[in-house]
Amino acid sequence: MGQVFSDLDYDGDAPVRARPEVGEWGPREVVSTAHRKRLRVWVTLAFLAAVVLIVAVGAFWFHLVQSA
């Protein structure tokens, strides 16, 4: 079975000395793999929370209209 998510390590097995620094996106300003993983979890949780909120508000309004 394949992976659910893609590999977030853009550098692969290359040693640190072989990784080029490219302009302002050099090693200091590139977001770490751990940060990308945390962000992926937060975005997923935010999406699920938004869906639950929309369904809850829709159910509330549906019951409100049905009882009138």
N, C-alpha and C. Protein backbone atom coordinates (compact mmCIF):
# COMPACT_ATOMS: atom_id res chain seq x y z
N MET A 1 0.85 -1.18 0.00
CA MET A 1 0.00 0.00 0.00
C MET A 1 0.89 1.24 0.00
N GLY A 2 0.55 2.23 -0.79
CA GLY A 2 1.36 3.45 -0.91
C GLY A 2 1.19 4.38 0.27
N GLN A 3 2.00 5.42 0.26
CA GLN A 3 1.92 6.41 1.33
C GLN A 3 0.68 7.27 1.15
N VAL A 4 0.17 7.76 2.26
CA VAL A 4 -1.00 8.64 2.21
C VAL A 4 -0.56 10.03 1.77
N PHE A 5 0.58 10.49 2.31
CA PHE A 5 1.08 11.82 1.98
C PHE A 5 2.41 11.70 1.25
N SER A 6 2.78 12.75 0.54
CA SER A 6 4.05 12.76 -0.15
C SER A 6 5.19 13.00 0.84
N ASP A 7 6.41 12.72 0.39
CA ASP A 7 7.59 12.92 1.22
C ASP A 7 7.87 14.42 1.31
N LEU A 8 7.97 14.95 2.53
CA LEU A 8 8.16 16.38 2.72
C LEU A 8 9.63 16.78 2.81
N ASP A 9 10.52 15.82 2.75
CA ASP A 9 11.94 16.12 2.84
C ASP A 9 12.45 16.41 1.42
N TYR A 10 12.60 17.69 1.11
CA TYR A 10 13.00 18.09 -0.24
C TYR A 10 14.47 17.82 -0.54
N ASP A 11 15.29 17.67 0.51
CA ASP A 11 16.72 17.51 0.30
C ASP A 11 17.13 16.06 0.10
N GLY A 12 16.30 15.14 0.48
CA GLY A 12 16.63 13.73 0.31
C GLY A 12 17.81 13.32 1.16
N ASP A 13 18.70 12.51 0.59
CA ASP A 13 19.86 12.01 1.31
C ASP A 13 21.10 12.88 1.12
N ALA A 14 20.96 14.02 0.47
CA ALA A 14 22.12 14.88 0.22
C ALA A 14 22.68 15.44 1.52
N PRO A 15 24.02 15.41 1.68
CA PRO A 15 24.60 15.99 2.91
C PRO A 15 24.42 17.51 2.92
N VAL A 16 24.51 18.09 4.10
CA VAL A 16 24.27 19.52 4.27
C VAL A 16 25.22 20.33 3.40
N ARG A 17 26.48 19.92 3.29
CA ARG A 17 27.46 20.70 2.53
C ARG A 17 27.14 20.71 1.02
N ALA A 18 26.32 19.77 0.57
CA ALA A 18 26.02 19.68 -0.87
C ALA A 18 24.72 20.40 -1.23
N ARG A 19 24.01 20.92 -0.25
CA ARG A 19 22.76 21.60 -0.53
C ARG A 19 23.03 23.06 -0.88
N PRO A 20 22.62 23.50 -2.04
CA PRO A 20 22.89 24.88 -2.42
C PRO A 20 22.00 25.87 -1.68
N GLU A 21 22.54 27.05 -1.45
CA GLU A 21 21.74 28.14 -0.91
C GLU A 21 21.22 28.95 -2.09
N VAL A 22 19.92 29.05 -2.20
CA VAL A 22 19.33 29.72 -3.35
C VAL A 22 18.67 31.01 -2.89
N GLY A 23 19.32 32.12 -3.11
CA GLY A 23 18.75 33.43 -2.81
C GLY A 23 18.25 33.54 -1.39
N GLU A 24 17.12 34.23 -1.22
CA GLU A 24 16.58 34.45 0.11
C GLU A 24 15.95 33.19 0.69
N TRP A 25 15.76 32.17 -0.12
CA TRP A 25 15.20 30.92 0.37
C TRP A 25 16.30 29.93 0.73
N GLY A 26 17.35 30.43 1.30
CA GLY A 26 18.44 29.57 1.75
C GLY A 26 17.99 28.73 2.93
N PRO A 27 18.88 27.92 3.49
CA PRO A 27 18.51 26.99 4.55
C PRO A 27 17.86 27.65 5.77
N ARG A 28 18.17 28.90 6.05
CA ARG A 28 17.60 29.54 7.23
C ARG A 28 16.11 29.85 7.06
N GLU A 29 15.70 30.19 5.87
CA GLU A 29 14.32 30.63 5.67
C GLU A 29 13.40 29.56 5.11
N VAL A 30 13.92 28.39 4.82
CA VAL A 30 13.09 27.30 4.33
C VAL A 30 12.39 26.66 5.52
N VAL A 31 11.11 26.45 5.39
CA VAL A 31 10.33 25.85 6.47
C VAL A 31 10.77 24.40 6.66
N SER A 32 10.93 24.00 7.91
CA SER A 32 11.40 22.64 8.21
C SER A 32 10.33 21.60 7.89
N THR A 33 10.77 20.37 7.76
CA THR A 33 9.85 19.26 7.50
C THR A 33 8.89 19.08 8.66
N ALA A 34 9.38 19.21 9.88
CA ALA A 34 8.52 19.07 11.06
C ALA A 34 7.44 20.14 11.06
N HIS A 35 7.81 21.36 10.68
CA HIS A 35 6.83 22.45 10.63
C HIS A 35 5.77 22.18 9.57
N ARG A 36 6.19 21.66 8.43
CA ARG A 36 5.23 21.33 7.37
C ARG A 36 4.28 20.23 7.83
N LYS A 37 4.78 19.26 8.58
CA LYS A 37 3.91 18.20 9.09
C LYS A 37 2.91 18.76 10.09
N ARG A 38 3.37 19.63 11.00
CA ARG A 38 2.46 20.25 11.97
C ARG A 38 1.40 21.09 11.26
N LEU A 39 1.82 21.84 10.26
CA LEU A 39 0.89 22.69 9.51
C LEU A 39 -0.15 21.84 8.79
N ARG A 40 0.28 20.72 8.24
CA ARG A 40 -0.66 19.82 7.56
C ARG A 40 -1.72 19.32 8.53
N VAL A 41 -1.34 18.99 9.76
CA VAL A 41 -2.29 18.54 10.77
C VAL A 41 -3.24 19.68 11.14
N TRP A 42 -2.71 20.89 11.36
CA TRP A 42 -3.55 22.03 11.73
C TRP A 42 -4.55 22.38 10.63
N VAL A 43 -4.12 22.34 9.38
CA VAL A 43 -5.03 22.65 8.27
C VAL A 43 -6.14 21.60 8.20
N THR A 44 -5.79 20.34 8.40
CA THR A 44 -6.79 19.27 8.39
C THR A 44 -7.80 19.47 9.52
N LEU A 45 -7.30 19.78 10.73
CA LEU A 45 -8.20 20.01 11.85
C LEU A 45 -9.09 21.24 11.64
N ALA A 46 -8.53 22.30 11.06
CA ALA A 46 -9.32 23.50 10.78
C ALA A 46 -10.41 23.20 9.75
N PHE A 47 -10.08 22.43 8.74
CA PHE A 47 -11.07 22.06 7.73
C PHE A 47 -12.20 21.24 8.34
N LEU A 48 -11.84 20.25 9.17
CA LEU A 48 -12.86 19.42 9.81
C LEU A 48 -13.73 20.25 10.75
N ALA A 49 -13.13 21.18 11.48
CA ALA A 49 -13.89 22.05 12.37
C ALA A 49 -14.87 22.91 11.58
N ALA A 50 -14.43 23.42 10.43
CA ALA A 50 -15.30 24.24 9.59
C ALA A 50 -16.47 23.42 9.06
N VAL A 51 -16.21 22.20 8.65
CA VAL A 51 -17.28 21.33 8.15
C VAL A 51 -18.28 21.02 9.26
N VAL A 52 -17.79 20.70 10.44
CA VAL A 52 -18.68 20.41 11.57
C VAL A 52 -19.52 21.64 11.92
N LEU A 53 -18.90 22.81 11.91
CA LEU A 53 -19.63 24.04 12.20
C LEU A 53 -20.73 24.30 11.17
N ILE A 54 -20.41 24.13 9.90
CA ILE A 54 -21.40 24.36 8.84
C ILE A 54 -22.56 23.38 8.97
N VAL A 55 -22.26 22.11 9.24
CA VAL A 55 -23.33 21.11 9.39
C VAL A 55 -24.17 21.42 10.63
N ALA A 56 -23.54 21.81 11.72
CA ALA A 56 -24.28 22.12 12.95
C ALA A 56 -25.20 23.33 12.76
N VAL A 57 -24.70 24.37 12.12
CA VAL A 57 -25.53 25.55 11.86
C VAL A 57 -26.67 25.20 10.90
N GLY A 58 -26.38 24.39 9.89
CA GLY A 58 -27.42 23.96 8.96
C GLY A 58 -28.49 23.14 9.65
N ALA A 59 -28.08 22.23 10.53
CA ALA A 59 -29.06 21.42 11.27
C ALA A 59 -29.89 22.29 12.20
N PHE A 60 -29.26 23.26 12.84
CA PHE A 60 -29.99 24.18 13.72
C PHE A 60 -31.06 24.93 12.94
N TRP A 61 -30.67 25.50 11.82
CA TRP A 61 -31.64 26.26 11.02
C TRP A 61 -32.73 25.35 10.45
N PHE A 62 -32.37 24.14 10.07
CA PHE A 62 -33.37 23.20 9.54
C PHE A 62 -34.42 22.90 10.61
N HIS A 63 -33.96 22.59 11.83
CA HIS A 63 -34.92 22.29 12.90
C HIS A 63 -35.71 23.53 13.29
N LEU A 64 -35.08 24.71 13.22
CA LEU A 64 -35.77 25.94 13.54
C LEU A 64 -36.91 26.21 12.53
N VAL A 65 -36.63 25.99 11.26
CA VAL A 65 -37.64 26.20 10.21
C VAL A 65 -38.73 25.14 10.29
N GLN A 66 -38.37 23.91 10.59
CA GLN A 66 -39.36 22.82 10.65
C GLN A 66 -40.32 22.98 11.83
N SER A 67 -39.84 23.56 12.92
CA SER A 67 -40.70 23.69 14.08
C SER A 67 -41.60 24.92 14.03
N ALA A 68 -41.39 25.80 13.06
CA ALA A 68 -42.21 27.04 12.97
C ALA A 68 -43.57 26.80 12.40
